[in-house]
Amino acid sequence: RMYRTVASYLDPIEAHIVCGRLCAEGIAAHVADDQMNLANWEWRQALGGTRVRVAEADHARARALIAELDAGAFALD
């Protein structure tokens, strides 16, 4: 199974929030490099941030959901 990076965040907590939202929508997602970025905070940008990865088949659907998140679709009043 091939996985692709669907998003990258400098804050590992943000990556985990996005991963949780994707999983809640039925998209199998995982976070990569979060421990490395927490242990070496000053390297996070050079490492490319904390990555959220999904299966190749779910990539387009995951990108669309992340665009909704970025637009505030799930924000609380």
PDB file of N, CA and C in Angstrom:
ATOM      1  N   ARG A   1       0.847  -1.179   0.000  1.00  0.00           N
ATOM      2  CA  ARG A   1       0.000   0.000   0.000  1.00  0.00           C
ATOM      3  C   ARG A   1       0.887   1.235   0.000  1.00  0.00           C
ATOM      4  N   MET A   2       0.610   2.138  -0.913  1.00  0.00           N
ATOM      5  CA  MET A   2       1.383   3.373  -1.020  1.00  0.00           C
ATOM      6  C   MET A   2       0.708   4.484  -0.223  1.00  0.00           C
ATOM      7  N   TYR A   3       1.513   5.217   0.535  1.00  0.00           N
ATOM      8  CA  TYR A   3       1.017   6.355   1.302  1.00  0.00           C
ATOM      9  C   TYR A   3       1.627   7.631   0.755  1.00  0.00           C
ATOM     10  N   ARG A   4       0.842   8.696   0.804  1.00  0.00           N
ATOM     11  CA  ARG A   4       1.302  10.011   0.349  1.00  0.00           C
ATOM     12  C   ARG A   4       1.084  11.023   1.454  1.00  0.00           C
ATOM     13  N   THR A   5       1.969  11.996   1.482  1.00  0.00           N
ATOM     14  CA  THR A   5       1.794  13.103   2.411  1.00  0.00           C
ATOM     15  C   THR A   5       0.677  13.991   1.881  1.00  0.00           C
ATOM     16  N   VAL A   6      -0.308  14.231   2.723  1.00  0.00           N
ATOM     17  CA  VAL A   6      -1.443  15.043   2.320  1.00  0.00           C
ATOM     18  C   VAL A   6      -1.327  16.461   2.893  1.00  0.00           C
ATOM     19  N   ALA A   7      -0.561  16.601   3.980  1.00  0.00           N
ATOM     20  CA  ALA A   7      -0.353  17.915   4.590  1.00  0.00           C
ATOM     21  C   ALA A   7       0.862  17.842   5.509  1.00  0.00           C
ATOM     22  N   SER A   8       1.444  19.002   5.780  1.00  0.00           N
ATOM     23  CA  SER A   8       2.594  19.097   6.672  1.00  0.00           C
ATOM     24  C   SER A   8       2.409  20.315   7.568  1.00  0.00           C
ATOM     25  N   TYR A   9       2.724  20.150   8.849  1.00  0.00           N
ATOM     26  CA  TYR A   9       2.508  21.218   9.827  1.00  0.00           C
ATOM     27  C   TYR A   9       3.751  21.398  10.690  1.00  0.00           C
ATOM     28  N   LEU A  10       4.068  22.640  11.027  1.00  0.00           N
ATOM     29  CA  LEU A  10       5.180  22.893  11.920  1.00  0.00           C
ATOM     30  C   LEU A  10       4.837  22.480  13.341  1.00  0.00           C
ATOM     31  N   ASP A  11       3.570  22.525  13.696  1.00  0.00           N
ATOM     32  CA  ASP A  11       3.116  22.141  15.031  1.00  0.00           C
ATOM     33  C   ASP A  11       2.592  20.704  14.991  1.00  0.00           C
ATOM     34  N   PRO A  12       3.249  19.762  15.675  1.00  0.00           N
ATOM     35  CA  PRO A  12       2.794  18.379  15.668  1.00  0.00           C
ATOM     36  C   PRO A  12       1.370  18.201  16.197  1.00  0.00           C
ATOM     37  N   ILE A  13       0.943  19.055  17.107  1.00  0.00           N
ATOM     38  CA  ILE A  13      -0.419  18.956  17.645  1.00  0.00           C
ATOM     39  C   ILE A  13      -1.437  19.229  16.552  1.00  0.00           C
ATOM     40  N   GLU A  14      -1.172  20.202  15.708  1.00  0.00           N
ATOM     41  CA  GLU A  14      -2.065  20.500  14.592  1.00  0.00           C
ATOM     42  C   GLU A  14      -2.162  19.304  13.643  1.00  0.00           C
ATOM     43  N   ALA A  15      -1.037  18.643  13.399  1.00  0.00           N
ATOM     44  CA  ALA A  15      -1.035  17.461  12.538  1.00  0.00           C
ATOM     45  C   ALA A  15      -1.909  16.360  13.136  1.00  0.00           C
ATOM     46  N   HIS A  16      -1.846  16.180  14.437  1.00  0.00           N
ATOM     47  CA  HIS A  16      -2.665  15.152  15.092  1.00  0.00           C
ATOM     48  C   HIS A  16      -4.155  15.512  15.042  1.00  0.00           C
ATOM     49  N   ILE A  17      -4.480  16.777  15.146  1.00  0.00           N
ATOM     50  CA  ILE A  17      -5.879  17.205  15.038  1.00  0.00           C
ATOM     51  C   ILE A  17      -6.414  16.891  13.642  1.00  0.00           C
ATOM     52  N   VAL A  18      -5.652  17.219  12.626  1.00  0.00           N
ATOM     53  CA  VAL A  18      -6.063  16.946  11.247  1.00  0.00           C
ATOM     54  C   VAL A  18      -6.172  15.437  11.017  1.00  0.00           C
ATOM     55  N   CYS A  19      -5.225  14.692  11.522  1.00  0.00           N
ATOM     56  CA  CYS A  19      -5.257  13.237  11.390  1.00  0.00           C
ATOM     57  C   CYS A  19      -6.525  12.674  12.035  1.00  0.00           C
ATOM     58  N   GLY A  20      -6.871  13.176  13.199  1.00  0.00           N
ATOM     59  CA  GLY A  20      -8.086  12.732  13.879  1.00  0.00           C
ATOM     60  C   GLY A  20      -9.343  13.045  13.083  1.00  0.00           C
ATOM     61  N   ARG A  21      -9.379  14.215  12.461  1.00  0.00           N
ATOM     62  CA  ARG A  21     -10.544  14.573  11.641  1.00  0.00           C
ATOM     63  C   ARG A  21     -10.652  13.651  10.430  1.00  0.00           C
ATOM     64  N   LEU A  22      -9.525  13.366   9.804  1.00  0.00           N
ATOM     65  CA  LEU A  22      -9.531  12.459   8.657  1.00  0.00           C
ATOM     66  C   LEU A  22     -10.016  11.067   9.078  1.00  0.00           C
ATOM     67  N   CYS A  23      -9.518  10.580  10.199  1.00  0.00           N
ATOM     68  CA  CYS A  23      -9.943   9.268  10.695  1.00  0.00           C
ATOM     69  C   CYS A  23     -11.426   9.258  11.017  1.00  0.00           C
ATOM     70  N   ALA A  24     -11.941  10.358  11.569  1.00  0.00           N
ATOM     71  CA  ALA A  24     -13.368  10.455  11.876  1.00  0.00           C
ATOM     72  C   ALA A  24     -14.223  10.391  10.621  1.00  0.00           C
ATOM     73  N   GLU A  25     -13.646  10.788   9.496  1.00  0.00           N
ATOM     74  CA  GLU A  25     -14.360  10.740   8.218  1.00  0.00           C
ATOM     75  C   GLU A  25     -14.132   9.416   7.484  1.00  0.00           C
ATOM     76  N   GLY A  26     -13.466   8.472   8.148  1.00  0.00           N
ATOM     77  CA  GLY A  26     -13.258   7.161   7.549  1.00  0.00           C
ATOM     78  C   GLY A  26     -12.021   7.039   6.671  1.00  0.00           C
ATOM     79  N   ILE A  27     -11.142   8.020   6.735  1.00  0.00           N
ATOM     80  CA  ILE A  27      -9.895   7.986   5.960  1.00  0.00           C
ATOM     81  C   ILE A  27      -8.785   7.500   6.888  1.00  0.00           C
ATOM     82  N   ALA A  28      -8.165   6.403   6.535  1.00  0.00           N
ATOM     83  CA  ALA A  28      -7.052   5.887   7.337  1.00  0.00           C
ATOM     84  C   ALA A  28      -5.854   6.814   7.163  1.00  0.00           C
ATOM     85  N   ALA A  29      -5.502   7.511   8.228  1.00  0.00           N
ATOM     86  CA  ALA A  29      -4.409   8.485   8.182  1.00  0.00           C
ATOM     87  C   ALA A  29      -3.451   8.215   9.334  1.00  0.00           C
ATOM     88  N   HIS A  30      -2.214   8.635   9.170  1.00  0.00           N
ATOM     89  CA  HIS A  30      -1.260   8.560  10.269  1.00  0.00           C
ATOM     90  C   HIS A  30      -0.326   9.762  10.215  1.00  0.00           C
ATOM     91  N   VAL A  31       0.276  10.038  11.361  1.00  0.00           N
ATOM     92  CA  VAL A  31       1.183  11.170  11.508  1.00  0.00           C
ATOM     93  C   VAL A  31       2.612  10.642  11.464  1.00  0.00           C
ATOM     94  N   ALA A  32       3.455  11.303  10.705  1.00  0.00           N
ATOM     95  CA  ALA A  32       4.862  10.919  10.593  1.00  0.00           C
ATOM     96  C   ALA A  32       5.751  12.060  11.069  1.00  0.00           C
ATOM     97  N   ASP A  33       6.830  11.718  11.705  1.00  0.00           N
ATOM     98  CA  ASP A  33       7.879  12.657  12.142  1.00  0.00           C
ATOM     99  C   ASP A  33       7.478  13.537  13.322  1.00  0.00           C
ATOM    100  N   ASP A  34       6.385  13.220  14.002  1.00  0.00           N
ATOM    101  CA  ASP A  34       5.988  14.052  15.130  1.00  0.00           C
ATOM    102  C   ASP A  34       6.988  13.961  16.284  1.00  0.00           C
ATOM    103  N   GLN A  35       7.466  12.766  16.579  1.00  0.00           N
ATOM    104  CA  GLN A  35       8.419  12.608  17.675  1.00  0.00           C
ATOM    105  C   GLN A  35       9.742  13.305  17.366  1.00  0.00           C
ATOM    106  N   MET A  36      10.187  13.222  16.127  1.00  0.00           N
ATOM    107  CA  MET A  36      11.424  13.895  15.725  1.00  0.00           C
ATOM    108  C   MET A  36      11.279  15.409  15.882  1.00  0.00           C
ATOM    109  N   ASN A  37      10.134  15.931  15.509  1.00  0.00           N
ATOM    110  CA  ASN A  37       9.912  17.375  15.604  1.00  0.00           C
ATOM    111  C   ASN A  37       9.729  17.833  17.041  1.00  0.00           C
ATOM    112  N   LEU A  38       9.191  16.978  17.896  1.00  0.00           N
ATOM    113  CA  LEU A  38       9.080  17.334  19.314  1.00  0.00           C
ATOM    114  C   LEU A  38      10.445  17.288  19.995  1.00  0.00           C
ATOM    115  N   ALA A  39      11.246  16.287  19.655  1.00  0.00           N
ATOM    116  CA  ALA A  39      12.566  16.141  20.274  1.00  0.00           C
ATOM    117  C   ALA A  39      13.543  17.209  19.780  1.00  0.00           C
ATOM    118  N   ASN A  40      13.387  17.645  18.540  1.00  0.00           N
ATOM    119  CA  ASN A  40      14.300  18.619  17.932  1.00  0.00           C
ATOM    120  C   ASN A  40      13.494  19.785  17.374  1.00  0.00           C
ATOM    121  N   TRP A  41      12.842  20.502  18.263  1.00  0.00           N
ATOM    122  CA  TRP A  41      11.919  21.561  17.880  1.00  0.00           C
ATOM    123  C   TRP A  41      12.551  22.565  16.919  1.00  0.00           C
ATOM    124  N   GLU A  42      13.820  22.893  17.138  1.00  0.00           N
ATOM    125  CA  GLU A  42      14.474  23.899  16.292  1.00  0.00           C
ATOM    126  C   GLU A  42      14.734  23.387  14.875  1.00  0.00           C
ATOM    127  N   TRP A  43      14.615  22.097  14.641  1.00  0.00           N
ATOM    128  CA  TRP A  43      14.838  21.507  13.314  1.00  0.00           C
ATOM    129  C   TRP A  43      13.558  21.342  12.522  1.00  0.00           C
ATOM    130  N   ARG A  44      12.416  21.630  13.113  1.00  0.00           N
ATOM    131  CA  ARG A  44      11.129  21.252  12.504  1.00  0.00           C
ATOM    132  C   ARG A  44      10.955  21.762  11.087  1.00  0.00           C
ATOM    133  N   GLN A  45      11.376  22.954  10.788  1.00  0.00           N
ATOM    134  CA  GLN A  45      11.216  23.483   9.433  1.00  0.00           C
ATOM    135  C   GLN A  45      12.172  22.790   8.466  1.00  0.00           C
ATOM    136  N   ALA A  46      13.395  22.544   8.898  1.00  0.00           N
ATOM    137  CA  ALA A  46      14.366  21.863   8.037  1.00  0.00           C
ATOM    138  C   ALA A  46      13.933  20.428   7.732  1.00  0.00           C
ATOM    139  N   LEU A  47      13.241  19.802   8.672  1.00  0.00           N
ATOM    140  CA  LEU A  47      12.772  18.428   8.488  1.00  0.00           C
ATOM    141  C   LEU A  47      11.504  18.356   7.639  1.00  0.00           C
ATOM    142  N   GLY A  48      10.914  19.493   7.354  1.00  0.00           N
ATOM    143  CA  GLY A  48       9.687  19.500   6.556  1.00  0.00           C
ATOM    144  C   GLY A  48       8.433  19.426   7.392  1.00  0.00           C
ATOM    145  N   GLY A  49       8.565  19.623   8.679  1.00  0.00           N
ATOM    146  CA  GLY A  49       7.405  19.615   9.558  1.00  0.00           C
ATOM    147  C   GLY A  49       6.926  18.206   9.880  1.00  0.00           C
ATOM    148  N   THR A  50       5.791  18.156  10.539  1.00  0.00           N
ATOM    149  CA  THR A  50       5.146  16.897  10.881  1.00  0.00           C
ATOM    150  C   THR A  50       4.149  16.588   9.780  1.00  0.00           C
ATOM    151  N   ARG A  51       4.273  15.406   9.191  1.00  0.00           N
ATOM    152  CA  ARG A  51       3.477  15.064   8.018  1.00  0.00           C
ATOM    153  C   ARG A  51       2.265  14.217   8.375  1.00  0.00           C
ATOM    154  N   VAL A  52       1.157  14.505   7.701  1.00  0.00           N
ATOM    155  CA  VAL A  52      -0.038  13.662   7.771  1.00  0.00           C
ATOM    156  C   VAL A  52      -0.062  12.878   6.468  1.00  0.00           C
ATOM    157  N   ARG A  53      -0.145  11.543   6.589  1.00  0.00           N
ATOM    158  CA  ARG A  53      -0.072  10.679   5.414  1.00  0.00           C
ATOM    159  C   ARG A  53      -1.322   9.827   5.303  1.00  0.00           C
ATOM    160  N   VAL A  54      -1.753   9.613   4.062  1.00  0.00           N
ATOM    161  CA  VAL A  54      -2.932   8.793   3.771  1.00  0.00           C
ATOM    162  C   VAL A  54      -2.615   7.866   2.603  1.00  0.00           C
ATOM    163  N   ALA A  55      -3.442   6.854   2.435  1.00  0.00           N
ATOM    164  CA  ALA A  55      -3.285   5.952   1.299  1.00  0.00           C
ATOM    165  C   ALA A  55      -3.485   6.735   0.006  1.00  0.00           C
ATOM    166  N   GLU A  56      -2.776   6.314  -1.013  1.00  0.00           N
ATOM    167  CA  GLU A  56      -2.866   6.965  -2.329  1.00  0.00           C
ATOM    168  C   GLU A  56      -4.320   7.119  -2.783  1.00  0.00           C
ATOM    169  N   ALA A  57      -5.127   6.101  -2.569  1.00  0.00           N
ATOM    170  CA  ALA A  57      -6.521   6.118  -3.020  1.00  0.00           C
ATOM    171  C   ALA A  57      -7.360   7.171  -2.297  1.00  0.00           C
ATOM    172  N   ASP A  58      -6.944   7.587  -1.093  1.00  0.00           N
ATOM    173  CA  ASP A  58      -7.703   8.564  -0.300  1.00  0.00           C
ATOM    174  C   ASP A  58      -7.163   9.981  -0.415  1.00  0.00           C
ATOM    175  N   HIS A  59      -6.109  10.165  -1.193  1.00  0.00           N
ATOM    176  CA  HIS A  59      -5.417  11.459  -1.226  1.00  0.00           C
ATOM    177  C   HIS A  59      -6.338  12.614  -1.626  1.00  0.00           C
ATOM    178  N   ALA A  60      -7.069  12.487  -2.710  1.00  0.00           N
ATOM    179  CA  ALA A  60      -7.925  13.589  -3.185  1.00  0.00           C
ATOM    180  C   ALA A  60      -9.018  13.913  -2.166  1.00  0.00           C
ATOM    181  N   ARG A  61      -9.637  12.894  -1.613  1.00  0.00           N
ATOM    182  CA  ARG A  61     -10.691  13.115  -0.608  1.00  0.00           C
ATOM    183  C   ARG A  61     -10.122  13.788   0.646  1.00  0.00           C
ATOM    184  N   ALA A  62      -8.934  13.358   1.063  1.00  0.00           N
ATOM    185  CA  ALA A  62      -8.292  13.957   2.229  1.00  0.00           C
ATOM    186  C   ALA A  62      -7.940  15.417   1.969  1.00  0.00           C
ATOM    187  N   ARG A  63      -7.419  15.727   0.792  1.00  0.00           N
ATOM    188  CA  ARG A  63      -7.088  17.130   0.459  1.00  0.00           C
ATOM    189  C   ARG A  63      -8.333  18.004   0.498  1.00  0.00           C
ATOM    190  N   ALA A  64      -9.440  17.474  -0.008  1.00  0.00           N
ATOM    191  CA  ALA A  64     -10.695  18.240   0.006  1.00  0.00           C
ATOM    192  C   ALA A  64     -11.151  18.496   1.440  1.00  0.00           C
ATOM    193  N   LEU A  65     -11.043  17.517   2.299  1.00  0.00           N
ATOM    194  CA  LEU A  65     -11.442  17.685   3.686  1.00  0.00           C
ATOM    195  C   LEU A  65     -10.538  18.683   4.402  1.00  0.00           C
ATOM    196  N   ILE A  66      -9.242  18.626   4.123  1.00  0.00           N
ATOM    197  CA  ILE A  66      -8.312  19.581   4.736  1.00  0.00           C
ATOM    198  C   ILE A  66      -8.602  21.000   4.255  1.00  0.00           C
ATOM    199  N   ALA A  67      -8.983  21.148   2.994  1.00  0.00           N
ATOM    200  CA  ALA A  67      -9.382  22.478   2.487  1.00  0.00           C
ATOM    201  C   ALA A  67     -10.593  22.992   3.240  1.00  0.00           C
ATOM    202  N   GLU A  68     -11.552  22.113   3.545  1.00  0.00           N
ATOM    203  CA  GLU A  68     -12.703  22.518   4.359  1.00  0.00           C
ATOM    204  C   GLU A  68     -12.274  22.939   5.757  1.00  0.00           C
ATOM    205  N   LEU A  69     -11.368  22.170   6.358  1.00  0.00           N
ATOM    206  CA  LEU A  69     -10.849  22.536   7.684  1.00  0.00           C
ATOM    207  C   LEU A  69     -10.198  23.905   7.648  1.00  0.00           C
ATOM    208  N   ASP A  70      -9.348  24.135   6.663  1.00  0.00           N
ATOM    209  CA  ASP A  70      -8.645  25.414   6.539  1.00  0.00           C
ATOM    210  C   ASP A  70      -9.607  26.580   6.326  1.00  0.00           C
ATOM    211  N   ALA A  71     -10.749  26.298   5.688  1.00  0.00           N
ATOM    212  CA  ALA A  71     -11.747  27.345   5.438  1.00  0.00           C
ATOM    213  C   ALA A  71     -12.629  27.601   6.666  1.00  0.00           C
ATOM    214  N   GLY A  72     -12.468  26.770   7.711  1.00  0.00           N
ATOM    215  CA  GLY A  72     -13.239  26.979   8.934  1.00  0.00           C
ATOM    216  C   GLY A  72     -14.548  26.230   9.007  1.00  0.00           C
ATOM    217  N   ALA A  73     -14.726  25.228   8.154  1.00  0.00           N
ATOM    218  CA  ALA A  73     -15.996  24.504   8.092  1.00  0.00           C
ATOM    219  C   ALA A  73     -16.361  23.818   9.404  1.00  0.00           C
ATOM    220  N   PHE A  74     -15.383  23.456  10.222  1.00  0.00           N
ATOM    221  CA  PHE A  74     -15.661  22.737  11.455  1.00  0.00           C
ATOM    222  C   PHE A  74     -15.451  23.608  12.702  1.00  0.00           C
ATOM    223  N   ALA A  75     -15.313  24.909  12.512  1.00  0.00           N
ATOM    224  CA  ALA A  75     -15.077  25.821  13.633  1.00  0.00           C
ATOM    225  C   ALA A  75     -16.335  25.934  14.510  1.00  0.00           C
ATOM    226  N   LEU A  76     -16.095  26.059  15.794  1.00  0.00           N
ATOM    227  CA  LEU A  76     -17.196  26.243  16.731  1.00  0.00           C
ATOM    228  C   LEU A  76     -17.520  27.720  16.858  1.00  0.00           C
ATOM    229  N   ASP A  77     -18.771  28.025  17.102  1.00  0.00           N
ATOM    230  CA  ASP A  77     -19.176  29.416  17.289  1.00  0.00           C
ATOM    231  C   ASP A  77     -18.687  29.950  18.619  1.00  0.00           C
TER     232      ASP A  77
END
